[in-house]
Structures are given as C-alpha cells and as structure tokens.
C-alpha atoms as a PDB file:
ATOM      1  CA  MET A   1      -5.537  -6.653 -10.309  1.00  0.00           C
ATOM      2  CA  ASP A   2      -7.573  -9.841 -10.108  1.00  0.00           C
ATOM      3  CA  ILE A   3      -5.639 -13.002 -10.887  1.00  0.00           C
ATOM      4  CA  GLU A   4      -6.377 -16.656 -11.406  1.00  0.00           C
ATOM      5  CA  LEU A   5      -4.220 -19.639 -10.443  1.00  0.00           C
ATOM      6  CA  VAL A   6      -4.934 -22.769 -12.475  1.00  0.00           C
ATOM      7  CA  ILE A   7      -3.800 -25.987 -10.809  1.00  0.00           C
ATOM      8  CA  GLU A   8      -4.696 -29.027 -12.879  1.00  0.00           C
ATOM      9  CA  VAL A   9      -8.505 -28.692 -13.020  1.00  0.00           C
ATOM     10  CA  THR A  10      -8.831 -26.328 -10.045  1.00  0.00           C
ATOM     11  CA  GLU A  11      -9.037 -22.569 -10.442  1.00  0.00           C
ATOM     12  CA  LEU A  12      -8.213 -20.286  -7.522  1.00  0.00           C
ATOM     13  CA  ARG A  13      -8.773 -16.550  -7.613  1.00  0.00           C
ATOM     14  CA  GLY A  14      -7.029 -13.720  -5.857  1.00  0.00           C
ATOM     15  CA  THR A  15      -6.277 -10.033  -5.975  1.00  0.00           C
ATOM     16  CA  LEU A  16      -2.898  -8.335  -6.185  1.00  0.00           C
ATOM     17  CA  ASN A  17      -2.340  -5.098  -4.294  1.00  0.00           C
ATOM     18  CA  ASN A  18      -1.185  -1.881  -5.949  1.00  0.00           C
ATOM     19  CA  SER A  19       2.309  -1.909  -4.416  1.00  0.00           C
ATOM     20  CA  ALA A  20       5.468  -1.710  -6.530  1.00  0.00           C
ATOM     21  CA  ALA A  21       6.029  -5.415  -5.874  1.00  0.00           C
ATOM     22  CA  GLY A  22       2.421  -6.292  -6.745  1.00  0.00           C
ATOM     23  CA  ARG A  23       2.601  -4.364 -10.009  1.00  0.00           C
ATOM     24  CA  ASP A  24       5.984  -5.902 -10.837  1.00  0.00           C
ATOM     25  CA  PHE A  25       4.614  -9.402 -10.195  1.00  0.00           C
ATOM     26  CA  ALA A  26       1.634  -8.622 -12.450  1.00  0.00           C
ATOM     27  CA  SER A  27       4.046  -7.624 -15.232  1.00  0.00           C
ATOM     28  CA  LEU A  28       5.368 -11.214 -15.263  1.00  0.00           C
ATOM     29  CA  LEU A  29       1.939 -12.732 -15.961  1.00  0.00           C
ATOM     30  CA  PRO A  30       1.068 -15.099 -17.413  1.00  0.00           C
ATOM     31  CA  MET A  31       3.581 -17.570 -16.032  1.00  0.00           C
ATOM     32  CA  THR A  32       3.770 -21.218 -15.098  1.00  0.00           C
ATOM     33  CA  LEU A  33       5.583 -22.271 -11.930  1.00  0.00           C
ATOM     34  CA  THR A  34       6.270 -25.494 -10.064  1.00  0.00           C
ATOM     35  CA  LEU A  35       5.298 -25.342  -6.398  1.00  0.00           C
ATOM     36  CA  ALA A  36       7.124 -26.975  -3.496  1.00  0.00           C
ATOM     37  CA  ASP A  37       6.009 -27.180   0.107  1.00  0.00           C
ATOM     38  CA  PHE A  38       8.005 -25.208   2.670  1.00  0.00           C
ATOM     39  CA  HIS A  39       7.758 -25.849   6.419  1.00  0.00           C
ATOM     40  CA  GLY A  40       4.198 -27.166   6.187  1.00  0.00           C
ATOM     41  CA  THR A  41       3.105 -23.540   5.926  1.00  0.00           C
ATOM     42  CA  GLU A  42       3.444 -22.309   2.364  1.00  0.00           C
ATOM     43  CA  LYS A  43       3.903 -23.302  -1.252  1.00  0.00           C
ATOM     44  CA  ILE A  44       6.923 -21.656  -2.856  1.00  0.00           C
ATOM     45  CA  SER A  45       8.448 -21.274  -6.291  1.00  0.00           C
ATOM     46  CA  ASP A  46      11.359 -19.343  -7.753  1.00  0.00           C
ATOM     47  CA  LEU A  47      10.426 -16.372  -9.904  1.00  0.00           C
ATOM     48  CA  PRO A  48      12.161 -15.614 -13.213  1.00  0.00           C
ATOM     49  CA  ARG A  49      13.645 -12.389 -11.794  1.00  0.00           C
ATOM     50  CA  PRO A  50      13.682 -10.322  -8.596  1.00  0.00           C
ATOM     51  CA  LEU A  51      10.701  -8.041  -7.966  1.00  0.00           C
ATOM     52  CA  SER A  52      10.843  -4.367  -7.048  1.00  0.00           C
ATOM     53  CA  THR A  53      10.377  -3.861  -3.305  1.00  0.00           C
ATOM     54  CA  GLU A  54      10.397  -0.061  -3.505  1.00  0.00           C
ATOM     55  CA  GLY A  55       8.302   1.395  -0.691  1.00  0.00           C
ATOM     56  CA  ALA A  56       7.729  -2.014   0.941  1.00  0.00           C
ATOM     57  CA  PRO A  57       8.074  -2.421   4.701  1.00  0.00           C
ATOM     58  CA  ALA A  58      11.128  -4.331   5.973  1.00  0.00           C
ATOM     59  CA  GLY A  59       8.949  -7.404   6.506  1.00  0.00           C
ATOM     60  CA  THR A  60       5.515  -8.649   7.484  1.00  0.00           C
ATOM     61  CA  ALA A  61       3.631 -11.518   9.080  1.00  0.00           C
ATOM     62  CA  ALA A  62       1.634 -13.762   6.765  1.00  0.00           C
ATOM     63  CA  SER A  63      -1.904 -15.044   7.056  1.00  0.00           C
ATOM     64  CA  ALA A  64      -3.320 -18.110   5.359  1.00  0.00           C
ATOM     65  CA  GLY A  65      -4.292 -17.006   1.848  1.00  0.00           C
ATOM     66  CA  ASP A  66      -1.599 -14.356   1.474  1.00  0.00           C
ATOM     67  CA  ILE A  67       0.289 -14.050  -1.810  1.00  0.00           C
ATOM     68  CA  THR A  68       3.803 -12.927  -0.907  1.00  0.00           C
ATOM     69  CA  TYR A  69       7.306 -12.426  -2.206  1.00  0.00           C
ATOM     70  CA  TYR A  70      10.316 -13.430  -0.126  1.00  0.00           C
ATOM     71  CA  ALA A  71      12.916 -10.945  -1.349  1.00  0.00           C
ATOM     72  CA  PRO A  72      16.054 -12.610   0.108  1.00  0.00           C
ATOM     73  CA  TRP A  73      15.430 -15.747  -1.978  1.00  0.00           C
ATOM     74  CA  GLY A  74      13.493 -14.156  -4.855  1.00  0.00           C
ATOM     75  CA  ASN A  75      10.597 -16.547  -4.570  1.00  0.00           C
ATOM     76  CA  LEU A  76       6.817 -16.482  -4.560  1.00  0.00           C
ATOM     77  CA  ALA A  77       5.247 -17.794  -1.347  1.00  0.00           C
ATOM     78  CA  LEU A  78       1.565 -18.754  -1.179  1.00  0.00           C
ATOM     79  CA  PHE A  79       0.634 -19.233   2.486  1.00  0.00           C
ATOM     80  CA  TYR A  80      -1.880 -21.822   3.599  1.00  0.00           C
ATOM     81  CA  ARG A  81      -1.128 -21.346   7.313  1.00  0.00           C
ATOM     82  CA  ASP A  82      -0.400 -18.211   9.320  1.00  0.00           C
ATOM     83  CA  PHE A  83       3.283 -17.361   9.807  1.00  0.00           C
ATOM     84  CA  PRO A  84       4.925 -14.852  12.179  1.00  0.00           C
ATOM     85  CA  TYR A  85       6.751 -11.712  11.110  1.00  0.00           C
ATOM     86  CA  SER A  86       9.634 -12.335   8.719  1.00  0.00           C
ATOM     87  CA  ASP A  87      12.193  -9.803   7.465  1.00  0.00           C
ATOM     88  CA  GLY A  88      12.142  -9.587   3.666  1.00  0.00           C
ATOM     89  CA  LEU A  89       8.574 -10.899   3.275  1.00  0.00           C
ATOM     90  CA  VAL A  90       6.478  -8.610   1.061  1.00  0.00           C
ATOM     91  CA  ARG A  91       2.713  -9.004   0.678  1.00  0.00           C
ATOM     92  CA  LEU A  92       1.607  -8.986  -2.980  1.00  0.00           C
ATOM     93  CA  GLY A  93      -2.073  -9.714  -2.446  1.00  0.00           C
ATOM     94  CA  ARG A  94      -4.660 -12.185  -1.199  1.00  0.00           C
ATOM     95  CA  LEU A  95      -6.251 -15.369  -2.437  1.00  0.00           C
ATOM     96  CA  ASP A  96     -10.013 -15.743  -2.182  1.00  0.00           C
ATOM     97  CA  PRO A  97     -11.460 -17.652   0.824  1.00  0.00           C
ATOM     98  CA  GLY A  98     -10.973 -21.409   0.626  1.00  0.00           C
ATOM     99  CA  ALA A  99      -7.833 -21.227  -1.510  1.00  0.00           C
ATOM    100  CA  ALA A 100      -5.543 -21.905   1.463  1.00  0.00           C
ATOM    101  CA  ASP A 101      -7.242 -25.276   2.014  1.00  0.00           C
ATOM    102  CA  VAL A 102      -6.622 -26.221  -1.619  1.00  0.00           C
ATOM    103  CA  LEU A 103      -2.956 -25.186  -1.387  1.00  0.00           C
ATOM    104  CA  ALA A 104      -2.467 -27.241   1.784  1.00  0.00           C
ATOM    105  CA  GLY A 105      -3.507 -30.385  -0.055  1.00  0.00           C
ATOM    106  CA  LEU A 106      -1.195 -29.999  -3.050  1.00  0.00           C
ATOM    107  CA  ASP A 107       1.719 -32.349  -3.650  1.00  0.00           C
ATOM    108  CA  ASP A 108       5.247 -31.111  -4.234  1.00  0.00           C
ATOM    109  CA  HIS A 109       6.055 -30.407  -7.874  1.00  0.00           C
ATOM    110  CA  THR A 110       2.491 -29.328  -8.633  1.00  0.00           C
ATOM    111  CA  THR A 111       2.389 -26.966 -11.598  1.00  0.00           C
ATOM    112  CA  VAL A 112       0.406 -23.737 -11.394  1.00  0.00           C
ATOM    113  CA  THR A 113      -0.318 -21.246 -14.160  1.00  0.00           C
ATOM    114  CA  ILE A 114      -1.011 -17.708 -12.965  1.00  0.00           C
ATOM    115  CA  HIS A 115      -2.653 -15.154 -15.248  1.00  0.00           C
ATOM    116  CA  ALA A 116      -4.792 -12.044 -15.111  1.00  0.00           C
ATOM    117  CA  ALA A 117      -8.439 -12.928 -14.514  1.00  0.00           C
ATOM    118  CA  ASP A 118     -11.045 -12.115 -17.134  1.00  0.00           C
END
C-alpha cells in the first residue's frame, strides 16, 4: 500500500509491505501523530494500539528511510539513520528516497498526518 506523510507543507511518500504488521498499520490510517526524536536516529510516536506481529522475525536492523514498529513499546519509528539489529523491531515498509533527510531536520513535537496515497 502506498502511503503519504504530510508534515506541515511537506509531503513524503512511502510504501507499506504486505506483512501482518504492515496491514494492521494500514488499518489505522488515516491518523495524526506527534513525532519525537530518539537517539538522533529516528522519529518516534506512540500508536493508538499494538500492531499484530504475527509471522514477523524476532527483530531486524533498520536503514535510513525504513518505516518500522517497535513492538516492546508499541510505537512507530521512522528511521533517518541506519541502526543495528534490535529485538522487537518490525519493518512495516519504506519511505521514498530523500525522506530520511527531511525527517532528520524535523523538530520535536512535529505533527504528521499519515494516510493512504491517492
């Protein structure tokens, strides 16, 4: 599923994978979240409910541009820098090239609206 993240006047695009977690995330759309920076590596936000991780590996490494779910905390994590393997990290999809640079420059408490792309 193609998605769009609207941050103020900037629109970022991405694609969700067809995993149980990706489909479950898609079922929550549209939604508006407030992003916070975490470790100078990712933008995170709590989700309204836990996502299904059925069939997901125990964890994964993240690359800049990955859309992920961190199951232990129940939050969305949008990576703008690479990150080593982490237990409980589930890849939901990928942002289009250049999106990681935009994410890196966002202030804490930036609001993002995520919806299915047209």
